[in-house]
Amino acid sequence: MLLATLVAAIWGFNFVIIEVGLDNFPPLLFAALRFAAAAFPTVLFVRRPNVPWRWFVTIGLPQLLATALVVGGVAIVSLRRRICTPTAVSPELQPAATR
């Protein structure tokens, strides 16, 4: 239960990091930095499995493509969050309570 709470807290804090990061970096650069920050500890602590190189090519290339698509998706979400802020919405579409 403690681990689940920790994961939920880290996941929720991620939105704060996104808001602060998008104030300081362009969306595509910020998405690349987020994935680099996640990949760095993985490269340091996970050792290479003892399998032939052909498996790396057979499995690794599609996985690399999938990772590129995920990074692109995160970048698009970051770009949307930067462009579609509540202040960018016209006053007619905002609820009366926020005027």
N, C-alpha and C. Protein backbone atom coordinates (compact mmCIF):
# COMPACT_ATOMS: atom_id res chain seq x y z
N MET A 1 0.82 -1.19 0.00
CA MET A 1 0.00 0.00 0.00
C MET A 1 0.88 1.27 0.00
N LEU A 2 1.96 1.21 0.73
CA LEU A 2 2.86 2.36 0.78
C LEU A 2 3.50 2.62 -0.59
N LEU A 3 3.85 1.55 -1.28
CA LEU A 3 4.44 1.70 -2.61
C LEU A 3 3.43 2.31 -3.59
N ALA A 4 2.18 1.87 -3.51
CA ALA A 4 1.13 2.43 -4.38
C ALA A 4 0.93 3.91 -4.09
N THR A 5 0.97 4.30 -2.84
CA THR A 5 0.82 5.71 -2.48
C THR A 5 2.01 6.52 -2.98
N LEU A 6 3.19 5.96 -2.88
CA LEU A 6 4.39 6.64 -3.37
C LEU A 6 4.32 6.83 -4.89
N VAL A 7 3.90 5.80 -5.62
CA VAL A 7 3.77 5.91 -7.07
C VAL A 7 2.74 6.97 -7.43
N ALA A 8 1.61 7.00 -6.75
CA ALA A 8 0.58 8.00 -7.03
C ALA A 8 1.08 9.41 -6.72
N ALA A 9 1.84 9.57 -5.66
CA ALA A 9 2.38 10.89 -5.31
C ALA A 9 3.39 11.36 -6.35
N ILE A 10 4.27 10.46 -6.78
CA ILE A 10 5.25 10.83 -7.80
C ILE A 10 4.54 11.16 -9.11
N TRP A 11 3.55 10.36 -9.47
CA TRP A 11 2.80 10.59 -10.70
C TRP A 11 2.10 11.95 -10.64
N GLY A 12 1.50 12.28 -9.52
CA GLY A 12 0.82 13.56 -9.37
C GLY A 12 1.79 14.73 -9.39
N PHE A 13 2.95 14.56 -8.80
CA PHE A 13 3.95 15.63 -8.78
C PHE A 13 4.51 15.88 -10.17
N ASN A 14 4.38 14.90 -11.05
CA ASN A 14 4.86 15.04 -12.42
C ASN A 14 4.18 16.22 -13.12
N PHE A 15 2.91 16.48 -12.83
CA PHE A 15 2.22 17.59 -13.46
C PHE A 15 2.80 18.94 -13.03
N VAL A 16 3.26 19.03 -11.80
CA VAL A 16 3.92 20.25 -11.33
C VAL A 16 5.23 20.44 -12.09
N ILE A 17 5.98 19.36 -12.27
CA ILE A 17 7.24 19.42 -13.01
C ILE A 17 6.98 19.85 -14.45
N ILE A 18 5.91 19.33 -15.06
CA ILE A 18 5.58 19.71 -16.44
C ILE A 18 5.29 21.20 -16.53
N GLU A 19 4.50 21.73 -15.61
CA GLU A 19 4.17 23.16 -15.65
C GLU A 19 5.41 24.02 -15.49
N VAL A 20 6.27 23.68 -14.54
CA VAL A 20 7.48 24.45 -14.31
C VAL A 20 8.44 24.30 -15.50
N GLY A 21 8.56 23.09 -16.02
CA GLY A 21 9.46 22.85 -17.14
C GLY A 21 9.04 23.58 -18.40
N LEU A 22 7.74 23.62 -18.66
CA LEU A 22 7.27 24.28 -19.87
C LEU A 22 7.41 25.80 -19.79
N ASP A 23 7.55 26.32 -18.59
CA ASP A 23 7.81 27.75 -18.45
C ASP A 23 9.25 28.08 -18.84
N ASN A 24 10.13 27.08 -18.77
CA ASN A 24 11.56 27.34 -18.98
C ASN A 24 12.14 26.73 -20.25
N PHE A 25 11.47 25.73 -20.84
CA PHE A 25 12.01 25.03 -22.01
C PHE A 25 10.94 24.91 -23.10
N PRO A 26 11.37 24.82 -24.36
CA PRO A 26 10.41 24.49 -25.43
C PRO A 26 9.87 23.07 -25.23
N PRO A 27 8.65 22.80 -25.68
CA PRO A 27 8.03 21.50 -25.40
C PRO A 27 8.81 20.29 -25.90
N LEU A 28 9.35 20.34 -27.12
CA LEU A 28 10.07 19.18 -27.64
C LEU A 28 11.37 18.93 -26.87
N LEU A 29 12.08 19.99 -26.54
CA LEU A 29 13.29 19.85 -25.74
C LEU A 29 12.96 19.31 -24.35
N PHE A 30 11.89 19.80 -23.77
CA PHE A 30 11.50 19.35 -22.43
C PHE A 30 11.13 17.87 -22.43
N ALA A 31 10.42 17.41 -23.46
CA ALA A 31 10.09 15.98 -23.56
C ALA A 31 11.36 15.15 -23.69
N ALA A 32 12.31 15.61 -24.49
CA ALA A 32 13.57 14.88 -24.64
C ALA A 32 14.35 14.85 -23.33
N LEU A 33 14.35 15.95 -22.59
CA LEU A 33 15.04 15.99 -21.30
C LEU A 33 14.40 15.05 -20.29
N ARG A 34 13.06 14.97 -20.29
CA ARG A 34 12.38 14.06 -19.37
C ARG A 34 12.75 12.61 -19.65
N PHE A 35 12.78 12.23 -20.93
CA PHE A 35 13.13 10.86 -21.25
C PHE A 35 14.60 10.58 -21.01
N ALA A 36 15.46 11.55 -21.24
CA ALA A 36 16.88 11.37 -20.95
C ALA A 36 17.10 11.20 -19.45
N ALA A 37 16.37 11.96 -18.65
CA ALA A 37 16.49 11.84 -17.19
C ALA A 37 16.01 10.47 -16.72
N ALA A 38 15.03 9.89 -17.39
CA ALA A 38 14.57 8.56 -17.01
C ALA A 38 15.51 7.47 -17.53
N ALA A 39 16.13 7.69 -18.68
CA ALA A 39 16.99 6.68 -19.27
C ALA A 39 18.36 6.62 -18.59
N PHE A 40 18.83 7.72 -18.08
CA PHE A 40 20.17 7.76 -17.49
C PHE A 40 20.36 6.74 -16.36
N PRO A 41 19.48 6.70 -15.34
CA PRO A 41 19.68 5.68 -14.30
C PRO A 41 19.51 4.26 -14.82
N THR A 42 18.66 4.09 -15.82
CA THR A 42 18.46 2.76 -16.39
C THR A 42 19.73 2.26 -17.03
N VAL A 43 20.40 3.10 -17.78
CA VAL A 43 21.64 2.70 -18.43
C VAL A 43 22.72 2.38 -17.40
N LEU A 44 22.72 3.09 -16.28
CA LEU A 44 23.74 2.86 -15.26
C LEU A 44 23.52 1.58 -14.46
N PHE A 45 22.26 1.27 -14.16
CA PHE A 45 21.99 0.19 -13.20
C PHE A 45 21.47 -1.11 -13.82
N VAL A 46 21.03 -1.09 -15.05
CA VAL A 46 20.53 -2.31 -15.68
C VAL A 46 21.61 -2.82 -16.63
N ARG A 47 22.08 -4.03 -16.40
CA ARG A 47 23.15 -4.54 -17.25
C ARG A 47 22.58 -5.18 -18.51
N ARG A 48 23.43 -5.26 -19.51
CA ARG A 48 23.05 -5.81 -20.80
C ARG A 48 22.79 -7.31 -20.66
N PRO A 49 21.66 -7.79 -21.18
CA PRO A 49 21.41 -9.23 -21.11
C PRO A 49 22.33 -10.00 -22.03
N ASN A 50 22.56 -11.24 -21.70
CA ASN A 50 23.46 -12.09 -22.48
C ASN A 50 22.67 -12.77 -23.60
N VAL A 51 22.37 -12.03 -24.66
CA VAL A 51 21.65 -12.56 -25.83
C VAL A 51 22.41 -12.13 -27.08
N PRO A 52 22.23 -12.87 -28.18
CA PRO A 52 22.92 -12.51 -29.42
C PRO A 52 22.45 -11.15 -29.97
N TRP A 53 23.33 -10.52 -30.76
CA TRP A 53 23.03 -9.20 -31.33
C TRP A 53 21.83 -9.21 -32.25
N ARG A 54 21.56 -10.34 -32.90
CA ARG A 54 20.41 -10.37 -33.82
C ARG A 54 19.11 -10.15 -33.07
N TRP A 55 19.05 -10.55 -31.81
CA TRP A 55 17.83 -10.29 -31.03
C TRP A 55 17.71 -8.80 -30.70
N PHE A 56 18.84 -8.16 -30.48
CA PHE A 56 18.78 -6.71 -30.25
C PHE A 56 18.24 -6.00 -31.49
N VAL A 57 18.66 -6.45 -32.67
CA VAL A 57 18.19 -5.83 -33.90
C VAL A 57 16.72 -6.16 -34.14
N THR A 58 16.36 -7.43 -33.95
CA THR A 58 14.99 -7.87 -34.21
C THR A 58 13.99 -7.23 -33.26
N ILE A 59 14.35 -7.15 -32.00
CA ILE A 59 13.43 -6.60 -31.00
C ILE A 59 13.72 -5.14 -30.73
N GLY A 60 14.98 -4.74 -30.78
CA GLY A 60 15.37 -3.38 -30.41
C GLY A 60 14.89 -2.32 -31.37
N LEU A 61 14.92 -2.59 -32.68
CA LEU A 61 14.49 -1.57 -33.64
C LEU A 61 13.01 -1.24 -33.52
N PRO A 62 12.11 -2.23 -33.45
CA PRO A 62 10.70 -1.87 -33.22
C PRO A 62 10.48 -1.17 -31.89
N GLN A 63 11.24 -1.56 -30.88
CA GLN A 63 11.10 -0.91 -29.59
C GLN A 63 11.62 0.53 -29.64
N LEU A 64 12.66 0.75 -30.40
CA LEU A 64 13.17 2.11 -30.59
C LEU A 64 12.13 2.98 -31.30
N LEU A 65 11.47 2.41 -32.30
CA LEU A 65 10.40 3.13 -32.99
C LEU A 65 9.26 3.44 -32.04
N ALA A 66 8.88 2.47 -31.22
CA ALA A 66 7.80 2.70 -30.25
C ALA A 66 8.19 3.78 -29.25
N THR A 67 9.44 3.78 -28.81
CA THR A 67 9.90 4.81 -27.88
C THR A 67 9.86 6.19 -28.54
N ALA A 68 10.25 6.25 -29.81
CA ALA A 68 10.19 7.53 -30.52
C ALA A 68 8.74 8.02 -30.63
N LEU A 69 7.81 7.12 -30.85
CA LEU A 69 6.40 7.51 -30.91
C LEU A 69 5.90 8.00 -29.55
N VAL A 70 6.34 7.36 -28.48
CA VAL A 70 5.93 7.78 -27.14
C VAL A 70 6.52 9.16 -26.82
N VAL A 71 7.81 9.36 -27.14
CA VAL A 71 8.43 10.67 -26.91
C VAL A 71 7.68 11.74 -27.71
N GLY A 72 7.34 11.42 -28.96
CA GLY A 72 6.57 12.36 -29.76
C GLY A 72 5.21 12.66 -29.15
N GLY A 73 4.56 11.63 -28.61
CA GLY A 73 3.27 11.84 -27.96
C GLY A 73 3.38 12.71 -26.73
N VAL A 74 4.42 12.48 -25.93
CA VAL A 74 4.63 13.33 -24.75
C VAL A 74 4.92 14.76 -25.17
N ALA A 75 5.68 14.92 -26.24
CA ALA A 75 5.98 16.26 -26.73
C ALA A 75 4.71 16.96 -27.20
N ILE A 76 3.83 16.23 -27.86
CA ILE A 76 2.57 16.83 -28.32
C ILE A 76 1.71 17.23 -27.14
N VAL A 77 1.67 16.38 -26.10
CA VAL A 77 0.90 16.73 -24.90
C VAL A 77 1.50 17.97 -24.25
N SER A 78 2.82 18.04 -24.17
CA SER A 78 3.47 19.21 -23.59
C SER A 78 3.19 20.46 -24.41
N LEU A 79 3.21 20.32 -25.72
CA LEU A 79 2.91 21.45 -26.60
C LEU A 79 1.47 21.90 -26.42
N ARG A 80 0.56 20.96 -26.30
CA ARG A 80 -0.85 21.30 -26.09
C ARG A 80 -1.03 22.02 -24.76
N ARG A 81 -0.34 21.57 -23.74
CA ARG A 81 -0.47 22.22 -22.43
C ARG A 81 0.07 23.65 -22.47
N ARG A 82 1.07 23.89 -23.31
CA ARG A 82 1.62 25.23 -23.41
C ARG A 82 0.70 26.14 -24.22
N ILE A 83 0.12 25.63 -25.28
CA ILE A 83 -0.71 26.45 -26.17
C ILE A 83 -2.10 26.66 -25.59
N CYS A 84 -2.69 25.63 -25.02
CA CYS A 84 -4.09 25.68 -24.58
C CYS A 84 -4.20 25.95 -23.09
N THR A 85 -3.63 27.02 -22.63
CA THR A 85 -3.77 27.39 -21.23
C THR A 85 -5.13 28.05 -21.02
N PRO A 86 -5.64 28.07 -19.80
CA PRO A 86 -6.94 28.68 -19.57
C PRO A 86 -7.01 30.15 -19.99
N THR A 87 -5.89 30.86 -19.96
CA THR A 87 -5.92 32.27 -20.36
C THR A 87 -6.06 32.42 -21.87
N ALA A 88 -5.75 31.34 -22.61
CA ALA A 88 -5.87 31.41 -24.07
C ALA A 88 -7.30 31.17 -24.54
N VAL A 89 -8.17 30.72 -23.65
CA VAL A 89 -9.56 30.46 -24.02
C VAL A 89 -10.30 31.79 -24.03
N SER A 90 -11.15 31.96 -25.01
CA SER A 90 -11.87 33.23 -25.11
C SER A 90 -12.81 33.39 -23.91
N PRO A 91 -13.09 34.63 -23.51
CA PRO A 91 -13.94 34.88 -22.34
C PRO A 91 -15.34 34.29 -22.47
N GLU A 92 -15.84 34.14 -23.71
CA GLU A 92 -17.18 33.58 -23.88
C GLU A 92 -17.25 32.11 -23.48
N LEU A 93 -16.11 31.42 -23.59
CA LEU A 93 -16.09 30.00 -23.26
C LEU A 93 -15.76 29.73 -21.80
N GLN A 94 -15.29 30.73 -21.08
CA GLN A 94 -14.96 30.54 -19.68
C GLN A 94 -16.22 30.61 -18.83
N PRO A 95 -16.28 29.82 -17.75
CA PRO A 95 -17.44 29.91 -16.86
C PRO A 95 -17.56 31.31 -16.26
N ALA A 96 -18.78 31.70 -15.94
CA ALA A 96 -19.03 33.04 -15.39
C ALA A 96 -18.32 33.26 -14.06
N ALA A 97 -18.11 32.20 -13.29
CA ALA A 97 -17.48 32.33 -11.97
C ALA A 97 -16.02 32.73 -12.07
N THR A 98 -15.36 32.45 -13.20
CA THR A 98 -13.93 32.81 -13.32
C THR A 98 -13.69 34.18 -13.90
N ARG A 99 -14.75 34.89 -14.27
CA ARG A 99 -14.58 36.23 -14.86
C ARG A 99 -14.35 37.26 -13.80
